[in-house]
C-alpha cells in the first residue's frame, strides 16, 4: 500500500498496523479507511490476530492483542491510556498465557462483562 485507499494492504503494512507501529498518522488513516471497505484485507488482518480483545476497566479500556509476525513468532501486548507493553513468543499458547497472567496481575479486581469484547481462546476463557 502506497497511500491509496483502493490498493490492498501489504503483509508488512498489516503487521505494522496490528502492532501499532505506524509513524505517519495519514498512512494509518488510509489503512483504516481501506479496512472499512475491503473484506479481503480485514480477513487477512484477522488471520494474523489470533487474539484481539478490549477490557473495560476502571482505568479505561485496556486492549490486549496477539499478532502473528511474519517470522511465525507471536507478539502479545496490552495497551491503554497509561500503559503499553508486551513480549514476543515462539508459540501461541505461551503468548495467551502471558496475556492472561499479566492482565490478572495488573487488574486483579476486573471481571469481564458484556462490555468486554473479543474472541475467547482456551487459555483466556476463565480469566474473569
C-alpha atoms as a PDB file:
ATOM      1  CA  UNK A   1       0.000   0.000   0.000  1.00  0.00           C
ATOM      2  CA  UNK A   2       1.437   3.311  -1.082  1.00  0.00           C
ATOM      3  CA  UNK A   3      -1.201   5.587   0.390  1.00  0.00           C
ATOM      4  CA  UNK A   4      -4.194   4.862  -1.826  1.00  0.00           C
ATOM      5  CA  UNK A   5      -7.433   3.602  -0.322  1.00  0.00           C
ATOM      6  CA  UNK A   6      -8.046   1.459  -3.416  1.00  0.00           C
ATOM      7  CA  UNK A   7      -4.831  -0.580  -3.073  1.00  0.00           C
ATOM      8  CA  UNK A   8      -4.808  -3.727  -0.957  1.00  0.00           C
ATOM      9  CA  UNK A   9      -2.766  -3.586   2.226  1.00  0.00           C
ATOM     10  CA  UNK A  10       0.527  -5.500   2.040  1.00  0.00           C
ATOM     11  CA  UNK A  11       1.530  -8.114   4.623  1.00  0.00           C
ATOM     12  CA  UNK A  12       4.240  -5.954   6.194  1.00  0.00           C
ATOM     13  CA  UNK A  13       1.858  -2.990   6.463  1.00  0.00           C
ATOM     14  CA  UNK A  14      -0.852  -5.146   8.076  1.00  0.00           C
ATOM     15  CA  UNK A  15       1.714  -6.413  10.575  1.00  0.00           C
ATOM     16  CA  UNK A  16       2.841  -2.878  11.447  1.00  0.00           C
ATOM     17  CA  UNK A  17      -0.799  -1.797  11.759  1.00  0.00           C
ATOM     18  CA  UNK A  18      -1.624  -4.708  14.068  1.00  0.00           C
ATOM     19  CA  UNK A  19       1.442  -3.972  16.206  1.00  0.00           C
ATOM     20  CA  UNK A  20       0.618  -0.265  16.443  1.00  0.00           C
ATOM     21  CA  UNK A  21       3.969   0.601  14.861  1.00  0.00           C
ATOM     22  CA  UNK A  22       2.778   3.218  12.370  1.00  0.00           C
ATOM     23  CA  UNK A  23       4.583   6.510  12.136  1.00  0.00           C
ATOM     24  CA  UNK A  24       2.598   8.875   9.921  1.00  0.00           C
ATOM     25  CA  UNK A  25      -0.998   9.199  11.086  1.00  0.00           C
ATOM     26  CA  UNK A  26      -2.038   9.812   7.471  1.00  0.00           C
ATOM     27  CA  UNK A  27      -0.876   6.342   6.379  1.00  0.00           C
ATOM     28  CA  UNK A  28      -2.611   4.725   9.351  1.00  0.00           C
ATOM     29  CA  UNK A  29      -5.817   6.541   8.379  1.00  0.00           C
ATOM     30  CA  UNK A  30      -5.522   5.218   4.810  1.00  0.00           C
ATOM     31  CA  UNK A  31      -5.120   1.656   6.134  1.00  0.00           C
ATOM     32  CA  UNK A  32      -8.119   2.064   8.446  1.00  0.00           C
ATOM     33  CA  UNK A  33     -10.216   3.517   5.626  1.00  0.00           C
ATOM     34  CA  UNK A  34      -9.254   0.643   3.344  1.00  0.00           C
ATOM     35  CA  UNK A  35     -10.104  -1.927   6.027  1.00  0.00           C
ATOM     36  CA  UNK A  36     -13.593  -0.425   6.293  1.00  0.00           C
ATOM     37  CA  UNK A  37     -14.315  -1.210   2.639  1.00  0.00           C
ATOM     38  CA  UNK A  38     -12.207  -4.320   1.955  1.00  0.00           C
ATOM     39  CA  UNK A  39     -13.348  -7.629   3.421  1.00  0.00           C
ATOM     40  CA  UNK A  40     -10.323  -9.452   1.980  1.00  0.00           C
ATOM     41  CA  UNK A  41      -7.864  -7.242   3.873  1.00  0.00           C
ATOM     42  CA  UNK A  42      -9.986  -7.435   7.053  1.00  0.00           C
ATOM     43  CA  UNK A  43      -9.852 -11.241   6.756  1.00  0.00           C
ATOM     44  CA  UNK A  44      -6.072 -11.152   6.280  1.00  0.00           C
ATOM     45  CA  UNK A  45      -5.741  -8.920   9.353  1.00  0.00           C
ATOM     46  CA  UNK A  46      -7.944 -11.253  11.411  1.00  0.00           C
ATOM     47  CA  UNK A  47      -5.795 -14.189  10.305  1.00  0.00           C
ATOM     48  CA  UNK A  48      -2.666 -12.660  11.858  1.00  0.00           C
ATOM     49  CA  UNK A  49      -4.513 -11.664  15.055  1.00  0.00           C
ATOM     50  CA  UNK A  50      -5.489 -14.910  16.807  1.00  0.00           C
ATOM     51  CA  UNK A  51      -6.474 -12.906  19.890  1.00  0.00           C
ATOM     52  CA  UNK A  52      -7.779  -9.337  19.966  1.00  0.00           C
ATOM     53  CA  UNK A  53      -9.906  -8.032  22.816  1.00  0.00           C
ATOM     54  CA  UNK A  54     -10.689  -4.970  24.881  1.00  0.00           C
ATOM     55  CA  UNK A  55     -11.366  -4.934  28.618  1.00  0.00           C
ATOM     56  CA  UNK A  56     -13.292  -2.018  30.059  1.00  0.00           C
ATOM     57  CA  UNK A  57     -11.648  -1.363  33.423  1.00  0.00           C
ATOM     58  CA  UNK A  58     -11.894   1.445  35.967  1.00  0.00           C
ATOM     59  CA  UNK A  59      -8.682   2.810  34.366  1.00  0.00           C
ATOM     60  CA  UNK A  60     -10.372   2.918  30.969  1.00  0.00           C
ATOM     61  CA  UNK A  61     -10.175   0.497  28.070  1.00  0.00           C
ATOM     62  CA  UNK A  62      -7.252  -1.924  28.049  1.00  0.00           C
ATOM     63  CA  UNK A  63      -6.536  -3.538  24.700  1.00  0.00           C
ATOM     64  CA  UNK A  64      -4.958  -6.985  24.511  1.00  0.00           C
ATOM     65  CA  UNK A  65      -3.777  -8.443  21.225  1.00  0.00           C
ATOM     66  CA  UNK A  66      -1.641 -11.222  19.853  1.00  0.00           C
ATOM     67  CA  UNK A  67      -0.197 -10.705  16.379  1.00  0.00           C
ATOM     68  CA  UNK A  68       1.479 -13.472  14.424  1.00  0.00           C
ATOM     69  CA  UNK A  69       4.650 -11.983  12.959  1.00  0.00           C
ATOM     70  CA  UNK A  70       5.944 -12.914   9.504  1.00  0.00           C
ATOM     71  CA  UNK A  71       8.783 -14.913  11.131  1.00  0.00           C
ATOM     72  CA  UNK A  72       5.986 -17.087  12.685  1.00  0.00           C
ATOM     73  CA  UNK A  73       6.563 -15.786  16.236  1.00  0.00           C
ATOM     74  CA  UNK A  74       3.766 -14.127  18.242  1.00  0.00           C
ATOM     75  CA  UNK A  75       3.754 -10.616  19.712  1.00  0.00           C
ATOM     76  CA  UNK A  76       1.490 -10.378  22.762  1.00  0.00           C
ATOM     77  CA  UNK A  77       0.776  -6.937  24.150  1.00  0.00           C
ATOM     78  CA  UNK A  78      -1.516  -4.796  26.268  1.00  0.00           C
ATOM     79  CA  UNK A  79      -2.052  -1.064  25.892  1.00  0.00           C
ATOM     80  CA  UNK A  80      -4.302   1.631  27.253  1.00  0.00           C
ATOM     81  CA  UNK A  81      -4.243   5.302  28.215  1.00  0.00           C
ATOM     82  CA  UNK A  82      -1.351   4.991  30.647  1.00  0.00           C
ATOM     83  CA  UNK A  83       0.309   1.733  29.685  1.00  0.00           C
ATOM     84  CA  UNK A  84       1.815  -0.159  26.808  1.00  0.00           C
ATOM     85  CA  UNK A  85       3.936  -3.267  26.834  1.00  0.00           C
ATOM     86  CA  UNK A  86       4.364  -6.799  25.683  1.00  0.00           C
ATOM     87  CA  UNK A  87       6.695  -9.565  24.635  1.00  0.00           C
ATOM     88  CA  UNK A  88       7.364 -11.958  21.763  1.00  0.00           C
ATOM     89  CA  UNK A  89       6.849 -15.700  21.980  1.00  0.00           C
ATOM     90  CA  UNK A  90       7.562 -18.699  19.787  1.00  0.00           C
ATOM     91  CA  UNK A  91       4.100 -20.254  20.232  1.00  0.00           C
ATOM     92  CA  UNK A  92       0.504 -19.145  20.643  1.00  0.00           C
ATOM     93  CA  UNK A  93      -0.286 -20.950  23.935  1.00  0.00           C
ATOM     94  CA  UNK A  94       2.629 -19.239  25.690  1.00  0.00           C
ATOM     95  CA  UNK A  95       1.583 -15.853  24.282  1.00  0.00           C
ATOM     96  CA  UNK A  96      -2.005 -16.438  25.513  1.00  0.00           C
ATOM     97  CA  UNK A  97      -0.751 -17.425  28.957  1.00  0.00           C
ATOM     98  CA  UNK A  98       1.346 -14.259  29.122  1.00  0.00           C
ATOM     99  CA  UNK A  99      -1.717 -12.100  28.327  1.00  0.00           C
ATOM    100  CA  UNK A 100      -3.790 -13.958  30.907  1.00  0.00           C
ATOM    101  CA  UNK A 101      -1.175 -13.755  33.682  1.00  0.00           C
ATOM    102  CA  UNK A 102      -0.089 -10.165  33.087  1.00  0.00           C
ATOM    103  CA  UNK A 103      -3.656  -8.854  32.827  1.00  0.00           C
ATOM    104  CA  UNK A 104      -4.673 -10.704  36.009  1.00  0.00           C
ATOM    105  CA  UNK A 105      -1.696  -9.187  37.866  1.00  0.00           C
ATOM    106  CA  UNK A 106      -2.429  -5.659  36.653  1.00  0.00           C
ATOM    107  CA  UNK A 107      -6.203  -5.809  37.156  1.00  0.00           C
ATOM    108  CA  UNK A 108      -6.994  -8.456  39.806  1.00  0.00           C
ATOM    109  CA  UNK A 109     -10.356  -6.807  40.557  1.00  0.00           C
ATOM    110  CA  UNK A 110     -11.558  -6.917  36.936  1.00  0.00           C
ATOM    111  CA  UNK A 111     -14.416  -9.200  35.946  1.00  0.00           C
ATOM    112  CA  UNK A 112     -15.320  -9.269  32.282  1.00  0.00           C
ATOM    113  CA  UNK A 113     -18.859  -8.257  31.494  1.00  0.00           C
ATOM    114  CA  UNK A 114     -20.831  -7.681  28.331  1.00  0.00           C
ATOM    115  CA  UNK A 115     -18.796  -4.560  27.527  1.00  0.00           C
ATOM    116  CA  UNK A 116     -15.559  -6.552  27.233  1.00  0.00           C
ATOM    117  CA  UNK A 117     -15.218  -7.865  23.723  1.00  0.00           C
ATOM    118  CA  UNK A 118     -13.145 -10.190  21.648  1.00  0.00           C
ATOM    119  CA  UNK A 119     -12.833 -13.845  20.832  1.00  0.00           C
ATOM    120  CA  UNK A 120     -12.228 -16.287  23.632  1.00  0.00           C
ATOM    121  CA  UNK A 121      -9.234 -18.568  23.457  1.00  0.00           C
ATOM    122  CA  UNK A 122      -8.868 -21.722  25.556  1.00  0.00           C
ATOM    123  CA  UNK A 123      -6.325 -20.215  27.946  1.00  0.00           C
ATOM    124  CA  UNK A 124      -8.255 -16.953  28.320  1.00  0.00           C
ATOM    125  CA  UNK A 125     -11.814 -18.235  28.811  1.00  0.00           C
ATOM    126  CA  UNK A 126     -11.768 -18.219  32.601  1.00  0.00           C
ATOM    127  CA  UNK A 127      -9.711 -15.079  33.215  1.00  0.00           C
ATOM    128  CA  UNK A 128     -12.564 -13.193  34.868  1.00  0.00           C
END
